[in-house]
Every structure is written in C-alpha cells, then in structure tokens.
C-alpha cells in the first residue's frame, strides 16, 4: 500500500511504525474471510482491510478522528485473526492500537460512552473495586430491563456467585516440591482474581508439583491490556510499568527463569511490553527483558513435560482456543497436547478461529455484536457434545460459561487435577 506521510510526520515513532505496517498491506482481502465482524456484519469497513483504509486516511491527514472512523474501529475485537491469515505479515495489532490512541486524544465521545469507558477503566483492573461493582450489579439486576443498553449488558455480565479473595494471590513465595527446577513469577491478574480464584490456585499447585518455585511479586497488578485497547495509553503504561519494576526486582534479586501468565489476553500484552516501551529510555531495556522471558502457562508445562501419575477420567473436553493465545501468541497445539497427555479426550469445535465475543471489554461496549458471536460459538461448541469446555483466558471462560452448554474451566485446572490436584469445583457441581 502506498503511503504519503511527510518527513515531519515520520519523525514520530508511532507514525513511522504505522507507516511500515501500512506499506506491507497489498489489499488482498484474505483477512476478510476470518474477521468475525466482517463475517457477522458483511460491511467492508468492518473488515481489517476496511479499517486499514480508515486508519490510513486519518493518520496521513493528521486530522481528528471522525464518527465514522470511530464506529468501525470500536467494532474491532482485536482478535488478531487477520494477522494469522495475512500472507504479507501486516502487524494489525500495532496499527489499530495506534489508531485507538489517536481516537482517544482527538475525538469527543457522547457523554454516556465516555462515562462507560471511564467506569470500565477505573473498575475492572482493580480486583477489590471489581468485586464491589459486581455486588452493585446484583442489586441492580431486578431493574436491568429499565437500564440503558450498555449498562444493562454490564449488569447481566455479573456472575451469579463470587468467590472470596484467595490468600494465594497475595505477594509471597511458594517453594518447589522436590528438587527446584526453575524459579518463576506468576502474574495473578486483575479480573481473574475477582471472578475465578481457582485458576491461580491450580496454576501454583501445578507448577510447584513440577519443581517450580513460584513467586507472586510485590507490586504487580493489571497488565494494562484493558486500558491499552481503549487508547488510554497513560493509564496502560502506568500499570505496565509497575509490573516491569516488580519483576525486574525479582530478576535482579533471586533471579527468574520466566514470568508465567495463565490469562492469554494478559500474556499477549506483556509479551509486547518491549514494543510498548521502546521509546521510553528509563524503561525500554527492562521492558524488553520482561517480554523476553514471558511465557504462557501452556508453554511452560510443555517445556517441563507434564507428569500425570494419577490421570483423570477420560472426559470429553471441547478445547476453546482463545484468540489472544492462537492469534496473539501463535500458540495453538500446546494446550491440546497437554490435555491429551493428561488422559482427556480432546475435541475442537468448527470455526475455532472465530472469537467468542468476549475480547476484553468488547462484550460490554459492543453487546449486540458480542451476543451474536457468543451464539455462534455456543452452537459450534454444543455440536461437539462436550462434557467439559476448557479455555486459557478468563474473558472467554466467563463469556462461554453464560451459555450453560457444559462446565467451563481453565485448561490448567484440568492439568492440576490429572497430576494429583483436586477435582475442579465446577465439575463436582455438575456431577462429573
């Protein structure tokens, strides 16, 4: 794609990066076939190719974002299926992130949209606030039908139950069982600590059982993904910087072999810290160091080689591939390989490349499209007749669980069970 940025514009590292990305696009349209919003809506401007044209025009002209551009960029899930499909290597993720930052700086949204996005940015990344918000949603549920559409979606999203805070999420060190093979920092996340504490607990048991000393580092918190994808760069970088400093202290102290993440949406962002902070002299080097050792839990367990002395029953497990894992991190086989080696029968639904509609805050900001994608995903999952559904991202787990097809658990919970841990509580509740 030909671009016409001026030399003055290209002096901005963000513009220079977007120019590189735009010039790789050859208009082939392969991306349209795997884009969930294009498949759902059939609008060229709701395809990656269409959005690339809108972003190019906006950035080249150096103008504030307009309503049309914002509408179609907001509809993008950032599922990154287009990056998997693209034969030219167009790094759409960095391009759309730049566009969102430009929109946030130059476009004044309607008041209700501003209020919703502000609320999400100050609540979801903080587990205690998130818990309080869920309690508020419970109180509002009887009146949900009278609420504005997007606020109603937030109330309906609230889970029916809320686990108590887990003591294992506090800063501490969990010693390895047997000879220590590695020392790793576990990112405990934010929404996950409120919605499903079983995931981190299962991860810690699984890692320590396989000889890993697990550190929950003092000072870590939200990865910054939620605010980053809203274009709120200042907020995103502030939370990300705290993580970088927390993990670098561990790296320079007792040492770390990896930063392990069990929420693939967070993992995609942390692996990109090196890019996010590349122009910040005080943090660029440390951010790159953190990104270089960040691993998804499935990568870690494949490297450690799963030990399964007490294999669980051969349940039929439908594996849902989270977009951030299969497209963002290019990890496709590891979770299925691990589940099979643990003794489970693994099936994968049709259209596994399509997003479930969760996508961070997407199911709250674009509830109609998210609902259509959820229904499509539910139909494909149900067709596999699963006893259990496994996924590697908390957003997907919450989204799919609302379909009530089968119990939905994190992959690591099944691996923990198969190697000597307790049966996942959701399976016990379902009588499995």
Protein backbone atom coordinates (compact mmCIF):
# COMPACT_ATOMS: atom_id res chain seq x y z
CA UNK A 1 0.00 0.00 0.00
CA UNK A 2 1.39 3.39 -0.97
CA UNK A 3 1.56 5.99 1.79
CA UNK A 4 2.17 9.76 1.72
CA UNK A 5 3.30 10.65 5.22
CA UNK A 6 5.53 13.72 5.41
CA UNK A 7 9.04 13.65 6.87
CA UNK A 8 7.76 15.64 9.82
CA UNK A 9 5.05 13.04 10.48
CA UNK A 10 7.53 10.16 10.17
CA UNK A 11 9.67 11.74 12.88
CA UNK A 12 7.03 10.46 15.30
CA UNK A 13 7.95 6.83 16.16
CA UNK A 14 4.27 5.85 16.31
CA UNK A 15 3.60 7.21 12.82
CA UNK A 16 6.80 5.65 11.49
CA UNK A 17 5.74 2.24 12.82
CA UNK A 18 2.23 2.59 11.36
CA UNK A 19 3.74 3.59 8.03
CA UNK A 20 5.81 0.39 7.98
CA UNK A 21 2.70 -1.67 8.69
CA UNK A 22 0.52 0.09 6.11
CA UNK A 23 3.10 -0.35 3.36
CA UNK A 24 3.02 -4.12 3.86
CA UNK A 25 -0.70 -4.37 3.07
CA UNK A 26 -1.39 -5.48 -0.55
CA UNK A 27 -5.22 -5.19 -0.42
CA UNK A 28 -5.58 -8.95 -0.98
CA UNK A 29 -8.62 -9.31 1.27
CA UNK A 30 -7.67 -12.70 2.72
CA UNK A 31 -8.29 -11.16 6.14
CA UNK A 32 -11.99 -10.64 5.44
CA UNK A 33 -12.70 -14.38 5.49
CA UNK A 34 -11.53 -14.79 9.09
CA UNK A 35 -12.64 -11.44 10.57
CA UNK A 36 -15.53 -12.06 12.99
CA UNK A 37 -17.13 -8.65 12.49
CA UNK A 38 -16.99 -8.85 8.69
CA UNK A 39 -18.38 -12.40 8.74
CA UNK A 40 -21.17 -11.20 11.05
CA UNK A 41 -21.98 -7.77 9.57
CA UNK A 42 -20.82 -8.04 5.95
CA UNK A 43 -19.58 -4.43 5.90
CA UNK A 44 -16.21 -3.81 4.21
CA UNK A 45 -15.44 -1.12 6.79
CA UNK A 46 -15.87 -3.75 9.50
CA UNK A 47 -13.09 -5.85 7.97
CA UNK A 48 -9.37 -5.40 8.67
CA UNK A 49 -8.84 -4.12 5.11
CA UNK A 50 -11.59 -1.54 5.50
CA UNK A 51 -10.31 -0.42 8.88
CA UNK A 52 -6.79 -0.12 7.49
CA UNK A 53 -8.09 2.32 4.85
CA UNK A 54 -9.86 4.39 7.52
CA UNK A 55 -6.76 4.45 9.75
CA UNK A 56 -4.51 5.38 6.82
CA UNK A 57 -6.70 8.33 5.85
CA UNK A 58 -6.98 9.55 9.43
CA UNK A 59 -3.26 9.33 10.21
CA UNK A 60 -1.98 10.61 6.86
CA UNK A 61 -4.23 13.65 7.00
CA UNK A 62 -3.26 14.23 10.61
CA UNK A 63 -6.87 15.05 11.41
CA UNK A 64 -9.01 14.33 14.44
CA UNK A 65 -10.96 11.08 14.31
CA UNK A 66 -14.49 11.34 12.95
CA UNK A 67 -17.64 9.49 13.97
CA UNK A 68 -17.48 7.05 11.03
CA UNK A 69 -13.90 6.02 11.75
CA UNK A 70 -14.56 5.65 15.47
CA UNK A 71 -17.65 3.49 14.85
CA UNK A 72 -15.75 0.92 12.80
CA UNK A 73 -12.56 0.93 14.89
CA UNK A 74 -14.66 0.45 18.03
CA UNK A 75 -16.28 -2.58 16.41
CA UNK A 76 -12.88 -4.28 16.03
CA UNK A 77 -12.42 -7.07 18.57
CA UNK A 78 -8.60 -7.04 18.32
CA UNK A 79 -8.92 -10.82 17.99
CA UNK A 80 -5.97 -10.70 15.55
CA UNK A 81 -7.33 -13.49 13.35
CA UNK A 82 -6.37 -11.22 10.45
CA UNK A 83 -2.71 -11.45 11.48
CA UNK A 84 -2.87 -15.24 11.35
CA UNK A 85 -4.44 -15.10 7.88
CA UNK A 86 -2.40 -12.28 6.34
CA UNK A 87 0.19 -13.58 3.81
CA UNK A 88 2.07 -10.26 3.89
CA UNK A 89 2.80 -10.06 7.60
CA UNK A 90 0.76 -6.92 8.30
CA UNK A 91 1.06 -6.26 12.06
CA UNK A 92 -2.51 -5.08 12.51
CA UNK A 93 -2.28 -5.09 16.31
CA UNK A 94 0.22 -2.24 16.48
CA UNK A 95 -1.69 -0.30 13.82
CA UNK A 96 -5.10 -0.48 15.50
CA UNK A 97 -3.55 0.30 18.89
CA UNK A 98 -2.09 3.49 17.39
CA UNK A 99 -5.47 4.35 15.88
CA UNK A 100 -7.20 3.91 19.24
CA UNK A 101 -4.69 6.15 20.96
CA UNK A 102 -5.26 8.81 18.27
CA UNK A 103 -9.04 8.48 18.70
CA UNK A 104 -8.75 8.86 22.47
CA UNK A 105 -6.72 12.06 22.03
CA UNK A 106 -8.75 13.69 19.27
CA UNK A 107 -12.38 12.52 19.43
CA UNK A 108 -15.00 13.57 21.97
CA UNK A 109 -17.38 10.69 22.50
CA UNK A 110 -21.03 11.06 23.59
CA UNK A 111 -21.28 11.51 27.36
CA UNK A 112 -22.69 8.06 28.06
CA UNK A 113 -19.90 6.39 26.07
CA UNK A 114 -17.28 8.45 27.91
CA UNK A 115 -18.84 7.54 31.25
CA UNK A 116 -18.92 3.82 30.44
CA UNK A 117 -15.31 3.72 29.27
CA UNK A 118 -14.17 5.70 32.30
CA UNK A 119 -16.05 3.33 34.60
CA UNK A 120 -14.50 0.26 32.97
CA UNK A 121 -11.01 1.75 33.17
CA UNK A 122 -11.22 2.54 36.90
CA UNK A 123 -13.04 -0.64 37.99
CA UNK A 124 -12.03 -3.73 36.01
CA UNK A 125 -8.22 -3.51 36.53
CA UNK A 126 -8.67 -3.43 40.33
CA UNK A 127 -9.96 -6.67 41.94
CA UNK A 128 -11.46 -5.03 45.05
CA UNK A 129 -13.31 -2.41 43.02
CA UNK A 130 -14.43 -5.10 40.59
CA UNK A 131 -15.88 -7.15 43.44
CA UNK A 132 -17.77 -4.12 44.74
CA UNK A 133 -19.08 -3.42 41.24
CA UNK A 134 -20.39 -7.00 40.99
CA UNK A 135 -22.21 -6.55 44.30
CA UNK A 136 -23.75 -3.38 42.86
CA UNK A 137 -24.77 -5.26 39.72
CA UNK A 138 -26.55 -7.87 41.82
CA UNK A 139 -28.57 -5.11 43.47
CA UNK A 140 -29.44 -3.66 40.05
CA UNK A 141 -30.44 -6.93 38.37
CA UNK A 142 -34.17 -6.68 39.21
CA UNK A 143 -34.22 -3.36 37.35
CA UNK A 144 -31.96 -4.39 34.45
CA UNK A 145 -34.66 -4.16 31.80
CA UNK A 146 -35.11 -0.45 32.53
CA UNK A 147 -31.40 0.38 32.19
CA UNK A 148 -29.65 1.79 29.07
CA UNK A 149 -28.44 -0.93 26.70
CA UNK A 150 -24.74 -0.91 27.61
CA UNK A 151 -25.33 -0.53 31.34
CA UNK A 152 -27.78 -3.43 31.11
CA UNK A 153 -25.03 -5.53 29.49
CA UNK A 154 -22.74 -4.80 32.44
CA UNK A 155 -25.39 -5.86 34.95
CA UNK A 156 -26.19 -9.04 33.02
CA UNK A 157 -22.47 -9.88 32.80
CA UNK A 158 -22.18 -10.09 36.59
CA UNK A 159 -21.70 -13.72 37.73
CA UNK A 160 -24.26 -15.39 39.98
CA UNK A 161 -21.64 -16.11 42.66
CA UNK A 162 -18.38 -14.53 43.74
CA UNK A 163 -15.52 -16.46 45.36
CA UNK A 164 -13.79 -15.00 48.42
CA UNK A 165 -10.36 -13.46 47.80
CA UNK A 166 -7.66 -16.11 47.65
CA UNK A 167 -4.76 -15.88 50.11
CA UNK A 168 -2.58 -17.40 47.37
CA UNK A 169 -2.91 -14.20 45.31
CA UNK A 170 -1.01 -12.19 47.93
CA UNK A 171 2.71 -11.44 47.42
CA UNK A 172 4.69 -14.47 48.61
CA UNK A 173 6.91 -17.34 47.51
CA UNK A 174 5.68 -20.93 47.04
CA UNK A 175 8.55 -23.45 47.31
CA UNK A 176 9.01 -26.16 44.72
CA UNK A 177 8.10 -29.71 45.63
CA UNK A 178 11.22 -31.81 45.37
CA UNK A 179 14.36 -30.51 43.64
CA UNK A 180 13.91 -26.98 42.32
CA UNK A 181 13.99 -26.93 38.52
CA UNK A 182 13.12 -23.26 37.95
CA UNK A 183 12.01 -20.04 39.62
CA UNK A 184 9.09 -18.20 38.00
CA UNK A 185 6.92 -15.19 38.74
CA UNK A 186 3.19 -15.78 38.34
CA UNK A 187 1.10 -12.87 37.14
CA UNK A 188 -2.09 -13.15 39.18
CA UNK A 189 -4.03 -10.66 37.04
CA UNK A 190 -6.97 -8.45 37.98
CA UNK A 191 -10.40 -9.60 36.75
CA UNK A 192 -9.38 -13.22 37.27
CA UNK A 193 -8.65 -12.58 40.96
CA UNK A 194 -12.25 -11.43 41.39
CA UNK A 195 -14.11 -13.82 39.07
CA UNK A 196 -12.30 -17.16 39.46
CA UNK A 197 -9.68 -17.66 42.15
CA UNK A 198 -9.43 -21.40 41.35
CA UNK A 199 -7.30 -20.65 38.28
CA UNK A 200 -4.29 -19.13 40.06
CA UNK A 201 -4.50 -21.69 42.85
CA UNK A 202 -4.45 -24.57 40.35
CA UNK A 203 -1.55 -22.93 38.48
CA UNK A 204 0.55 -22.63 41.63
CA UNK A 205 -0.13 -26.25 42.63
CA UNK A 206 0.70 -27.49 39.14
CA UNK A 207 3.96 -25.54 38.89
CA UNK A 208 5.25 -26.36 42.37
CA UNK A 209 4.38 -30.03 41.80
CA UNK A 210 6.65 -29.92 38.75
CA UNK A 211 9.60 -28.42 40.60
CA UNK A 212 9.00 -24.70 40.10
CA UNK A 213 9.44 -22.13 42.85
CA UNK A 214 6.58 -19.69 42.25
CA UNK A 215 6.84 -16.02 43.17
CA UNK A 216 3.87 -13.67 43.44
CA UNK A 217 5.83 -10.44 43.22
CA UNK A 218 5.14 -7.45 45.44
CA UNK A 219 3.79 -4.52 43.41
CA UNK A 220 2.46 -6.36 40.37
CA UNK A 221 -1.10 -5.79 39.18
CA UNK A 222 -3.11 -5.36 35.99
CA UNK A 223 -1.13 -5.91 32.78
CA UNK A 224 -2.63 -2.76 31.23
CA UNK A 225 -4.41 -4.52 28.35
CA UNK A 226 -7.90 -3.24 29.15
CA UNK A 227 -6.92 0.43 29.14
CA UNK A 228 -4.37 -0.05 26.34
CA UNK A 229 -7.08 -1.31 23.98
CA UNK A 230 -9.25 1.68 24.89
CA UNK A 231 -6.48 4.01 23.72
CA UNK A 232 -5.79 5.18 27.28
CA UNK A 233 -2.04 4.91 26.88
CA UNK A 234 -1.10 6.83 30.02
CA UNK A 235 -3.13 4.55 32.29
CA UNK A 236 -1.96 1.41 30.49
CA UNK A 237 1.71 2.35 30.70
CA UNK A 238 1.43 3.28 34.37
CA UNK A 239 0.13 -0.16 35.36
CA UNK A 240 2.50 -1.94 32.99
CA UNK A 241 5.47 -0.02 34.40
CA UNK A 242 4.64 -1.22 37.92
CA UNK A 243 4.74 -4.82 36.69
CA UNK A 244 8.02 -4.29 34.92
CA UNK A 245 9.63 -2.86 38.05
CA UNK A 246 8.20 -5.63 40.24
CA UNK A 247 9.52 -8.41 38.02
CA UNK A 248 12.88 -6.76 37.36
CA UNK A 249 13.43 -6.59 41.13
CA UNK A 250 12.96 -10.36 41.22
CA UNK A 251 15.16 -10.87 38.15
CA UNK A 252 17.96 -8.84 39.68
CA UNK A 253 17.46 -10.41 43.12
CA UNK A 254 16.95 -14.15 43.38
CA UNK A 255 16.51 -14.43 39.61
CA UNK A 256 13.65 -15.51 37.37
CA UNK A 257 13.51 -18.12 34.64
CA UNK A 258 10.14 -16.87 33.41
CA UNK A 259 7.17 -14.66 34.01
CA UNK A 260 4.32 -17.13 33.63
CA UNK A 261 0.82 -15.97 32.68
CA UNK A 262 -2.39 -18.00 32.70
CA UNK A 263 -4.65 -15.36 31.11
CA UNK A 264 -3.71 -15.27 27.45
CA UNK A 265 -5.08 -11.75 26.92
CA UNK A 266 -2.61 -10.53 29.53
CA UNK A 267 0.16 -12.66 28.04
CA UNK A 268 -0.20 -11.09 24.60
CA UNK A 269 0.17 -7.63 26.12
CA UNK A 270 3.09 -8.44 28.43
CA UNK A 271 4.95 -10.08 25.55
CA UNK A 272 4.53 -6.73 23.76
CA UNK A 273 5.93 -4.58 26.59
CA UNK A 274 9.22 -4.30 24.72
CA UNK A 275 7.39 -2.59 21.85
CA UNK A 276 5.13 -0.52 24.09
CA UNK A 277 8.08 0.99 25.97
CA UNK A 278 10.60 1.09 23.13
CA UNK A 279 10.84 4.92 23.16
CA UNK A 280 10.91 5.32 26.96
CA UNK A 281 14.58 5.49 27.85
CA UNK A 282 14.10 4.71 31.53
CA UNK A 283 12.13 1.50 30.95
CA UNK A 284 12.85 0.31 27.41
CA UNK A 285 15.58 -2.12 28.42
CA UNK A 286 13.73 -3.56 31.40
CA UNK A 287 10.50 -3.89 29.40
CA UNK A 288 12.35 -5.85 26.72
CA UNK A 289 13.88 -8.11 29.38
CA UNK A 290 10.44 -8.87 30.83
CA UNK A 291 8.90 -9.57 27.42
CA UNK A 292 11.76 -11.90 26.55
CA UNK A 293 11.06 -14.25 29.48
CA UNK A 294 7.24 -14.08 29.47
CA UNK A 295 5.56 -17.42 28.81
CA UNK A 296 2.02 -18.72 28.70
CA UNK A 297 1.40 -21.49 31.22
CA UNK A 298 0.99 -23.99 28.35
CA UNK A 299 4.47 -23.13 27.04
CA UNK A 300 5.93 -23.67 30.50
CA UNK A 301 4.22 -27.02 31.02
CA UNK A 302 5.26 -28.35 27.61
CA UNK A 303 8.87 -27.42 28.46
CA UNK A 304 8.64 -29.05 31.90
CA UNK A 305 6.93 -32.17 30.44
CA UNK A 306 3.66 -32.96 32.18
CA UNK A 307 3.83 -35.67 34.79
CA UNK A 308 0.47 -37.44 35.10
CA UNK A 309 0.71 -40.27 37.63
CA UNK A 310 -2.97 -40.06 38.59
CA UNK A 311 -4.65 -39.49 35.26
CA UNK A 312 -8.18 -38.13 35.50
CA UNK A 313 -11.20 -39.84 33.90
CA UNK A 314 -11.26 -39.67 30.12
CA UNK A 315 -13.78 -36.85 29.95
CA UNK A 316 -14.71 -35.40 26.56
CA UNK A 317 -13.16 -31.91 26.62
CA UNK A 318 -14.00 -29.30 23.99
CA UNK A 319 -11.00 -27.02 23.72
CA UNK A 320 -11.79 -23.37 23.01
CA UNK A 321 -8.79 -21.59 21.50
CA UNK A 322 -8.69 -18.07 22.90
CA UNK A 323 -7.91 -15.51 20.19
CA UNK A 324 -5.14 -13.94 22.25
CA UNK A 325 -3.47 -17.34 22.52
CA UNK A 326 -3.88 -18.72 18.98
CA UNK A 327 -3.60 -15.42 17.07
CA UNK A 328 -1.84 -13.07 19.50
CA UNK A 329 0.81 -15.51 20.76
CA UNK A 330 0.65 -18.11 17.96
CA UNK A 331 0.17 -20.93 20.49
CA UNK A 332 -2.21 -23.49 19.03
CA UNK A 333 -1.08 -27.04 19.78
CA UNK A 334 0.32 -26.86 23.34
CA UNK A 335 -2.95 -26.84 25.34
CA UNK A 336 -4.44 -29.70 23.30
CA UNK A 337 -1.23 -31.71 23.56
CA UNK A 338 -1.17 -31.29 27.34
CA UNK A 339 -4.83 -32.23 27.78
CA UNK A 340 -4.39 -35.36 25.66
CA UNK A 341 -1.28 -36.40 27.57
CA UNK A 342 -3.27 -35.99 30.80
CA UNK A 343 -5.77 -38.57 29.54
CA UNK A 344 -8.64 -36.40 28.32
CA UNK A 345 -10.46 -36.86 25.02
CA UNK A 346 -9.98 -33.54 23.25
CA UNK A 347 -12.31 -32.22 20.58
CA UNK A 348 -12.22 -28.83 18.85
CA UNK A 349 -15.30 -27.02 17.53
CA UNK A 350 -15.81 -25.83 13.96
CA UNK A 351 -14.79 -22.23 13.23
CA UNK A 352 -12.33 -22.37 16.11
CA UNK A 353 -10.56 -19.31 14.64
CA UNK A 354 -13.59 -17.08 15.33
CA UNK A 355 -13.83 -15.02 18.52
CA UNK A 356 -16.39 -15.83 21.22
CA UNK A 357 -17.23 -12.14 21.56
CA UNK A 358 -15.60 -11.50 24.94
CA UNK A 359 -12.45 -9.66 23.77
CA UNK A 360 -11.58 -7.77 26.93
CA UNK A 361 -14.36 -5.20 27.40
CA UNK A 362 -15.97 -5.81 23.99
CA UNK A 363 -18.96 -7.71 25.35
CA UNK A 364 -19.69 -4.63 27.49
CA UNK A 365 -19.06 -1.92 24.91
CA UNK A 366 -20.49 -3.76 21.86
CA UNK A 367 -23.08 -6.09 23.44
CA UNK A 368 -25.15 -6.78 20.30
CA UNK A 369 -22.25 -7.99 18.15
CA UNK A 370 -20.74 -9.84 21.13
CA UNK A 371 -24.04 -11.66 21.67
CA UNK A 372 -24.16 -12.79 18.03
CA UNK A 373 -20.61 -14.11 18.24
CA UNK A 374 -21.37 -15.87 21.52
CA UNK A 375 -24.37 -17.63 20.00
CA UNK A 376 -22.29 -18.75 17.03
CA UNK A 377 -19.54 -20.04 19.31
CA UNK A 378 -22.09 -21.78 21.54
CA UNK A 379 -23.62 -23.63 18.58
CA UNK A 380 -20.21 -24.84 17.42
CA UNK A 381 -19.22 -25.96 20.91
CA UNK A 382 -22.53 -27.71 21.54
CA UNK A 383 -22.10 -29.68 18.30
CA UNK A 384 -19.06 -31.43 19.82
CA UNK A 385 -21.23 -32.79 22.69
CA UNK A 386 -18.66 -31.89 25.36
CA UNK A 387 -18.72 -32.93 28.99
CA UNK A 388 -16.34 -30.09 29.80
CA UNK A 389 -15.11 -26.99 27.96
CA UNK A 390 -11.54 -25.80 28.52
CA UNK A 391 -10.01 -22.44 27.65
CA UNK A 392 -6.93 -20.42 28.52
CA UNK A 393 -8.37 -16.96 29.13
CA UNK A 394 -10.69 -15.68 31.86
CA UNK A 395 -12.72 -13.49 29.49
CA UNK A 396 -13.53 -16.44 27.24
CA UNK A 397 -14.36 -18.61 30.25
CA UNK A 398 -16.85 -16.07 31.59
CA UNK A 399 -18.40 -15.48 28.17
CA UNK A 400 -18.85 -19.16 27.28
CA UNK A 401 -19.99 -20.14 30.78
CA UNK A 402 -23.05 -17.96 30.32
CA UNK A 403 -24.22 -20.30 27.51
CA UNK A 404 -24.54 -23.16 30.03
CA UNK A 405 -23.55 -25.83 27.49
CA UNK A 406 -21.18 -27.57 29.90
CA UNK A 407 -18.88 -26.61 32.79
CA UNK A 408 -16.17 -24.23 31.57
CA UNK A 409 -12.77 -24.42 33.26
CA UNK A 410 -9.27 -23.22 32.62
CA UNK A 411 -7.00 -25.76 30.97
CA UNK A 412 -4.66 -25.58 33.95
CA UNK A 413 -7.42 -26.74 36.31
CA UNK A 414 -7.75 -30.00 34.38
CA UNK A 415 -3.97 -30.46 34.27
CA UNK A 416 -3.75 -29.85 38.01
CA UNK A 417 -6.46 -32.46 38.63
CA UNK A 418 -4.79 -35.00 36.36
CA UNK A 419 -1.46 -34.66 38.16
CA UNK A 420 -2.72 -35.03 41.72
CA UNK A 421 -4.68 -31.86 42.48
CA UNK A 422 -8.33 -31.59 43.46
CA UNK A 423 -11.17 -32.05 41.01
CA UNK A 424 -12.27 -28.62 39.67
CA UNK A 425 -15.22 -27.39 41.74
CA UNK A 426 -17.28 -26.72 38.61
CA UNK A 427 -17.04 -30.40 37.64
CA UNK A 428 -18.11 -31.54 41.08
CA UNK A 429 -21.08 -29.18 40.94
CA UNK A 430 -22.04 -30.66 37.56
CA UNK A 431 -21.85 -34.20 38.90
CA UNK A 432 -18.85 -35.22 36.79
